[in-house]
Structure formats: C-alpha cells, structure tokens
Amino acid sequence: MDFPPNQGLDQEEVDERVETAIEDNDVVLFMKGTALMPQCGYSRRALGLIDQYREEYETVDTLESLDEFRVALERHSGWETIPQTFVDGEFVGGSDILAELEERGELAETLEAE
C-alpha cells in the first residue's frame, strides 16, 4: 500500500488554525494524532491527565503539517515541542508540566475542572 507524501498545509493556514483553536476553546491540546488514536506516548499521557478533570476540551492533530504547527505553536508558547496545552488562551505546557501539576494537586484547578 502506498501513502502519498504529506501534502501539509501552508504556514498561514496553520497559524490561523492555531490562533482560532486557542481563542475559541477553554482548553485545547495540540497533539500528535487524535483523542481516539494518539500517535505518541506524550500525547497519550497528556490526554489521560486532562481526561481526569475535563469532559469537554478541544484536541488538534498536528501531524497533518507538523513543521508548520511547530512554528505556529512556538510563536504562542516559546516551545516547539508537541503536545502543548492551552487554558483560556494561556500556555500551560506539555505532558511533563501537566504531570507535575497533577503531582502537586494543582491540575484540576489549572484546567478549571467542570
């Protein structure tokens, strides 16, 4: 089976998607893969941590245009690594930061658990 090369999205379109997702959602997780099929352990870990406290939040699959998403996200967070979590438009961190917040008992408050 042949898979076509990743056609990707242009940088402007990805920038707009990132901006809209951050502005329009209380909690958004930019991840590799989807909520049903995470494609990396860090994304899976972030999902699991957020799922403990939030029933509703947005996920964005960055694999469609990974390089462009890294550039766009770095503009918002200063980080190019994925996954990245934003709450009320503010960058919180990746799975490691979410895990640290959980260990300190602060993740529910950070995610403004419903």
N, C-alpha and C. Protein backbone atom coordinates (compact mmCIF):
# COMPACT_ATOMS: atom_id res chain seq x y z
N MET A 1 0.86 -1.18 0.00
CA MET A 1 0.00 0.00 0.00
C MET A 1 0.90 1.24 0.00
N ASP A 2 0.63 2.14 -0.89
CA ASP A 2 1.40 3.38 -0.97
C ASP A 2 0.62 4.51 -0.31
N PHE A 3 1.36 5.33 0.42
CA PHE A 3 0.77 6.51 1.02
C PHE A 3 1.36 7.72 0.31
N PRO A 4 0.52 8.67 -0.09
CA PRO A 4 1.06 9.86 -0.74
C PRO A 4 1.89 10.65 0.27
N PRO A 5 2.89 11.38 -0.20
CA PRO A 5 3.67 12.19 0.73
C PRO A 5 2.79 13.22 1.42
N ASN A 6 3.18 13.58 2.63
CA ASN A 6 2.42 14.56 3.40
C ASN A 6 2.34 15.87 2.62
N GLN A 7 1.15 16.20 2.16
CA GLN A 7 0.97 17.44 1.41
C GLN A 7 1.01 18.65 2.34
N GLY A 8 0.49 18.47 3.54
CA GLY A 8 0.55 19.53 4.53
C GLY A 8 -0.29 20.75 4.17
N LEU A 9 -0.27 21.69 5.09
CA LEU A 9 -0.98 22.95 4.94
C LEU A 9 0.06 24.05 4.89
N ASP A 10 -0.32 25.18 4.32
CA ASP A 10 0.66 26.26 4.31
C ASP A 10 0.70 26.93 5.68
N GLN A 11 1.79 27.64 5.93
CA GLN A 11 2.02 28.22 7.26
C GLN A 11 0.90 29.16 7.68
N GLU A 12 0.40 29.95 6.75
CA GLU A 12 -0.66 30.91 7.08
C GLU A 12 -1.93 30.19 7.56
N GLU A 13 -2.27 29.09 6.90
CA GLU A 13 -3.46 28.33 7.31
C GLU A 13 -3.28 27.71 8.69
N VAL A 14 -2.10 27.17 8.95
CA VAL A 14 -1.82 26.58 10.26
C VAL A 14 -1.83 27.67 11.33
N ASP A 15 -1.21 28.82 11.06
CA ASP A 15 -1.22 29.93 12.02
C ASP A 15 -2.65 30.28 12.40
N GLU A 16 -3.53 30.34 11.39
CA GLU A 16 -4.93 30.69 11.63
C GLU A 16 -5.63 29.61 12.46
N ARG A 17 -5.38 28.35 12.17
CA ARG A 17 -5.98 27.25 12.93
C ARG A 17 -5.56 27.30 14.39
N VAL A 18 -4.27 27.54 14.63
CA VAL A 18 -3.75 27.60 16.00
C VAL A 18 -4.39 28.77 16.74
N GLU A 19 -4.39 29.93 16.11
CA GLU A 19 -4.96 31.13 16.72
C GLU A 19 -6.43 30.91 17.08
N THR A 20 -7.20 30.37 16.15
CA THR A 20 -8.62 30.14 16.36
C THR A 20 -8.85 29.12 17.47
N ALA A 21 -8.09 28.03 17.47
CA ALA A 21 -8.26 26.99 18.49
C ALA A 21 -7.98 27.54 19.88
N ILE A 22 -6.93 28.35 20.01
CA ILE A 22 -6.57 28.91 21.31
C ILE A 22 -7.63 29.91 21.77
N GLU A 23 -8.11 30.74 20.86
CA GLU A 23 -9.10 31.77 21.21
C GLU A 23 -10.49 31.19 21.51
N ASP A 24 -10.89 30.14 20.78
CA ASP A 24 -12.26 29.67 20.84
C ASP A 24 -12.53 28.56 21.85
N ASN A 25 -11.51 28.07 22.54
CA ASN A 25 -11.69 26.94 23.45
C ASN A 25 -11.12 27.24 24.82
N ASP A 26 -11.87 26.82 25.85
CA ASP A 26 -11.37 26.97 27.22
C ASP A 26 -10.08 26.18 27.41
N VAL A 27 -10.07 24.95 26.91
CA VAL A 27 -8.90 24.08 26.99
C VAL A 27 -8.68 23.46 25.62
N VAL A 28 -7.45 23.56 25.12
CA VAL A 28 -7.11 22.94 23.84
C VAL A 28 -5.76 22.24 23.97
N LEU A 29 -5.71 21.03 23.44
CA LEU A 29 -4.50 20.23 23.42
C LEU A 29 -4.07 20.03 21.98
N PHE A 30 -2.90 20.55 21.63
CA PHE A 30 -2.30 20.30 20.33
C PHE A 30 -1.46 19.04 20.50
N MET A 31 -1.76 18.02 19.70
CA MET A 31 -1.17 16.70 19.93
C MET A 31 -0.85 16.01 18.62
N LYS A 32 -0.10 14.93 18.74
CA LYS A 32 0.17 14.08 17.58
C LYS A 32 -0.89 12.98 17.59
N GLY A 33 -1.75 13.01 16.58
CA GLY A 33 -2.84 12.05 16.49
C GLY A 33 -4.14 12.67 16.99
N THR A 34 -5.10 11.80 17.23
CA THR A 34 -6.42 12.24 17.68
C THR A 34 -6.70 11.72 19.08
N ALA A 35 -7.77 12.21 19.67
CA ALA A 35 -8.15 11.75 21.00
C ALA A 35 -8.40 10.24 21.00
N LEU A 36 -8.93 9.72 19.90
CA LEU A 36 -9.20 8.28 19.81
C LEU A 36 -7.95 7.48 19.44
N MET A 37 -7.01 8.12 18.75
CA MET A 37 -5.80 7.42 18.33
C MET A 37 -4.57 8.32 18.47
N PRO A 38 -4.13 8.55 19.71
CA PRO A 38 -2.92 9.34 19.88
C PRO A 38 -1.74 8.61 19.24
N GLN A 39 -0.83 9.37 18.63
CA GLN A 39 0.27 8.77 17.88
C GLN A 39 1.62 8.92 18.56
N CYS A 40 1.63 9.34 19.82
CA CYS A 40 2.88 9.33 20.58
C CYS A 40 2.55 9.21 22.06
N GLY A 41 3.48 8.69 22.81
CA GLY A 41 3.27 8.46 24.23
C GLY A 41 3.01 9.74 25.01
N TYR A 42 3.69 10.81 24.63
CA TYR A 42 3.50 12.08 25.34
C TYR A 42 2.09 12.63 25.11
N SER A 43 1.60 12.50 23.89
CA SER A 43 0.23 12.94 23.60
C SER A 43 -0.77 12.07 24.36
N ARG A 44 -0.53 10.77 24.41
CA ARG A 44 -1.42 9.86 25.15
C ARG A 44 -1.44 10.23 26.63
N ARG A 45 -0.26 10.53 27.16
CA ARG A 45 -0.16 10.90 28.58
C ARG A 45 -0.91 12.20 28.86
N ALA A 46 -0.75 13.19 28.00
CA ALA A 46 -1.45 14.47 28.17
C ALA A 46 -2.96 14.26 28.14
N LEU A 47 -3.44 13.46 27.19
CA LEU A 47 -4.87 13.16 27.11
C LEU A 47 -5.38 12.54 28.41
N GLY A 48 -4.64 11.56 28.91
CA GLY A 48 -5.04 10.88 30.13
C GLY A 48 -5.13 11.82 31.32
N LEU A 49 -4.18 12.74 31.41
CA LEU A 49 -4.18 13.70 32.52
C LEU A 49 -5.36 14.67 32.41
N ILE A 50 -5.59 15.19 31.22
CA ILE A 50 -6.69 16.13 31.03
C ILE A 50 -8.03 15.42 31.22
N ASP A 51 -8.15 14.20 30.71
CA ASP A 51 -9.40 13.44 30.81
C ASP A 51 -9.86 13.23 32.25
N GLN A 52 -8.92 13.23 33.19
CA GLN A 52 -9.29 13.04 34.60
C GLN A 52 -10.16 14.18 35.12
N TYR A 53 -10.02 15.36 34.52
CA TYR A 53 -10.66 16.55 35.07
C TYR A 53 -11.60 17.28 34.11
N ARG A 54 -11.51 16.97 32.82
CA ARG A 54 -12.33 17.68 31.84
C ARG A 54 -13.06 16.68 30.96
N GLU A 55 -14.37 16.86 30.83
CA GLU A 55 -15.12 16.05 29.88
C GLU A 55 -15.04 16.66 28.49
N GLU A 56 -15.03 17.99 28.45
CA GLU A 56 -15.03 18.68 27.16
C GLU A 56 -13.80 19.54 27.03
N TYR A 57 -13.08 19.31 25.95
CA TYR A 57 -11.96 20.14 25.56
C TYR A 57 -11.64 19.82 24.11
N GLU A 58 -10.91 20.69 23.49
CA GLU A 58 -10.60 20.53 22.07
C GLU A 58 -9.23 19.88 21.91
N THR A 59 -9.12 19.02 20.90
CA THR A 59 -7.81 18.50 20.52
C THR A 59 -7.56 18.86 19.06
N VAL A 60 -6.30 19.10 18.73
CA VAL A 60 -5.91 19.43 17.37
C VAL A 60 -4.78 18.48 16.98
N ASP A 61 -4.99 17.73 15.90
CA ASP A 61 -3.98 16.81 15.39
C ASP A 61 -2.96 17.60 14.58
N THR A 62 -1.72 17.61 15.03
CA THR A 62 -0.67 18.40 14.38
C THR A 62 0.06 17.63 13.29
N LEU A 63 -0.23 16.34 13.15
CA LEU A 63 0.53 15.52 12.21
C LEU A 63 0.28 15.89 10.74
N GLU A 64 -0.84 16.55 10.48
CA GLU A 64 -1.16 16.94 9.10
C GLU A 64 -0.07 17.85 8.52
N SER A 65 0.49 18.71 9.37
CA SER A 65 1.53 19.66 8.96
C SER A 65 2.43 19.95 10.16
N LEU A 66 3.16 18.94 10.58
CA LEU A 66 3.90 19.01 11.84
C LEU A 66 4.87 20.19 11.90
N ASP A 67 5.65 20.41 10.87
CA ASP A 67 6.62 21.50 10.89
C ASP A 67 5.94 22.86 11.03
N GLU A 68 4.84 23.04 10.31
CA GLU A 68 4.12 24.30 10.37
C GLU A 68 3.47 24.50 11.74
N PHE A 69 2.95 23.42 12.32
CA PHE A 69 2.37 23.54 13.67
C PHE A 69 3.45 23.89 14.69
N ARG A 70 4.63 23.30 14.55
CA ARG A 70 5.73 23.64 15.48
C ARG A 70 6.04 25.14 15.42
N VAL A 71 6.12 25.68 14.23
CA VAL A 71 6.41 27.12 14.05
C VAL A 71 5.30 27.95 14.68
N ALA A 72 4.06 27.63 14.36
CA ALA A 72 2.92 28.40 14.86
C ALA A 72 2.82 28.34 16.38
N LEU A 73 3.01 27.15 16.94
CA LEU A 73 2.90 27.00 18.39
C LEU A 73 4.04 27.70 19.12
N GLU A 74 5.23 27.66 18.52
CA GLU A 74 6.37 28.33 19.17
C GLU A 74 6.10 29.84 19.30
N ARG A 75 5.40 30.40 18.36
CA ARG A 75 5.05 31.84 18.43
C ARG A 75 4.17 32.14 19.65
N HIS A 76 3.36 31.17 20.06
CA HIS A 76 2.45 31.37 21.19
C HIS A 76 3.06 30.95 22.52
N SER A 77 3.94 29.98 22.50
CA SER A 77 4.40 29.39 23.76
C SER A 77 5.90 29.52 24.00
N GLY A 78 6.66 29.74 22.93
CA GLY A 78 8.11 29.72 23.07
C GLY A 78 8.67 28.31 22.98
N TRP A 79 7.78 27.32 22.83
CA TRP A 79 8.19 25.92 22.74
C TRP A 79 7.80 25.39 21.37
N GLU A 80 8.62 24.50 20.82
CA GLU A 80 8.24 23.87 19.55
C GLU A 80 7.85 22.41 19.74
N THR A 81 7.96 21.91 20.96
CA THR A 81 7.61 20.52 21.20
C THR A 81 6.10 20.34 21.26
N ILE A 82 5.67 19.14 20.95
CA ILE A 82 4.25 18.79 20.96
C ILE A 82 4.13 17.50 21.76
N PRO A 83 3.17 17.41 22.66
CA PRO A 83 1.92 18.16 22.81
C PRO A 83 2.09 19.47 23.58
N GLN A 84 1.11 20.35 23.37
CA GLN A 84 1.02 21.61 24.10
C GLN A 84 -0.42 21.84 24.52
N THR A 85 -0.58 22.30 25.76
CA THR A 85 -1.91 22.57 26.31
C THR A 85 -2.06 24.05 26.58
N PHE A 86 -3.20 24.60 26.18
CA PHE A 86 -3.54 25.99 26.46
C PHE A 86 -4.86 26.01 27.23
N VAL A 87 -4.94 26.86 28.25
CA VAL A 87 -6.16 27.04 29.03
C VAL A 87 -6.49 28.53 29.02
N ASP A 88 -7.70 28.86 28.60
CA ASP A 88 -8.14 30.26 28.50
C ASP A 88 -7.11 31.12 27.77
N GLY A 89 -6.57 30.59 26.69
CA GLY A 89 -5.64 31.33 25.85
C GLY A 89 -4.21 31.39 26.36
N GLU A 90 -3.95 30.80 27.54
CA GLU A 90 -2.62 30.83 28.12
C GLU A 90 -1.95 29.47 27.98
N PHE A 91 -0.67 29.50 27.62
CA PHE A 91 0.10 28.26 27.50
C PHE A 91 0.34 27.67 28.88
N VAL A 92 0.02 26.39 29.06
CA VAL A 92 0.26 25.69 30.31
C VAL A 92 1.51 24.83 30.20
N GLY A 93 1.59 24.00 29.16
CA GLY A 93 2.78 23.17 28.97
C GLY A 93 2.43 21.88 28.27
N GLY A 94 3.43 21.00 28.22
CA GLY A 94 3.27 19.69 27.62
C GLY A 94 2.90 18.66 28.67
N SER A 95 3.05 17.40 28.32
CA SER A 95 2.64 16.32 29.23
C SER A 95 3.46 16.33 30.51
N ASP A 96 4.73 16.73 30.43
CA ASP A 96 5.57 16.76 31.63
C ASP A 96 5.08 17.81 32.63
N ILE A 97 4.69 18.96 32.13
CA ILE A 97 4.17 20.02 33.01
C ILE A 97 2.82 19.61 33.59
N LEU A 98 1.97 19.01 32.76
CA LEU A 98 0.67 18.53 33.27
C LEU A 98 0.89 17.51 34.39
N ALA A 99 1.86 16.61 34.21
CA ALA A 99 2.15 15.60 35.23
C ALA A 99 2.66 16.26 36.51
N GLU A 100 3.51 17.28 36.39
CA GLU A 100 4.00 18.00 37.58
C GLU A 100 2.85 18.67 38.32
N LEU A 101 1.95 19.30 37.56
CA LEU A 101 0.78 19.94 38.18
C LEU A 101 -0.08 18.90 38.90
N GLU A 102 -0.24 17.73 38.29
CA GLU A 102 -1.02 16.65 38.90
C GLU A 102 -0.36 16.21 40.21
N GLU A 103 0.96 16.04 40.20
CA GLU A 103 1.68 15.61 41.40
C GLU A 103 1.52 16.62 42.54
N ARG A 104 1.45 17.90 42.20
CA ARG A 104 1.30 18.95 43.22
C ARG A 104 -0.17 19.18 43.58
N GLY A 105 -1.09 18.45 42.95
CA GLY A 105 -2.51 18.62 43.22
C GLY A 105 -3.09 19.88 42.63
N GLU A 106 -2.46 20.42 41.58
CA GLU A 106 -2.90 21.69 41.00
C GLU A 106 -3.53 21.55 39.62
N LEU A 107 -3.56 20.33 39.07
CA LEU A 107 -4.03 20.18 37.70
C LEU A 107 -5.51 20.48 37.55
N ALA A 108 -6.34 20.03 38.47
CA ALA A 108 -7.79 20.28 38.38
C ALA A 108 -8.06 21.77 38.36
N GLU A 109 -7.40 22.51 39.23
CA GLU A 109 -7.59 23.96 39.28
C GLU A 109 -7.08 24.61 38.00
N THR A 110 -5.92 24.18 37.52
CA THR A 110 -5.34 24.74 36.30
C THR A 110 -6.29 24.53 35.11
N LEU A 111 -6.88 23.36 35.04
CA LEU A 111 -7.80 23.04 33.94
C LEU A 111 -9.20 23.57 34.19
N GLU A 112 -9.38 24.20 35.34
CA GLU A 112 -10.69 24.73 35.74
C GLU A 112 -11.74 23.65 35.56
N ALA A 113 -11.51 22.56 36.26
CA ALA A 113 -12.38 21.38 36.14
C ALA A 113 -13.84 21.78 36.30
N GLU A 114 -14.65 21.17 35.47
CA GLU A 114 -16.07 21.50 35.41
C GLU A 114 -16.80 20.92 36.62
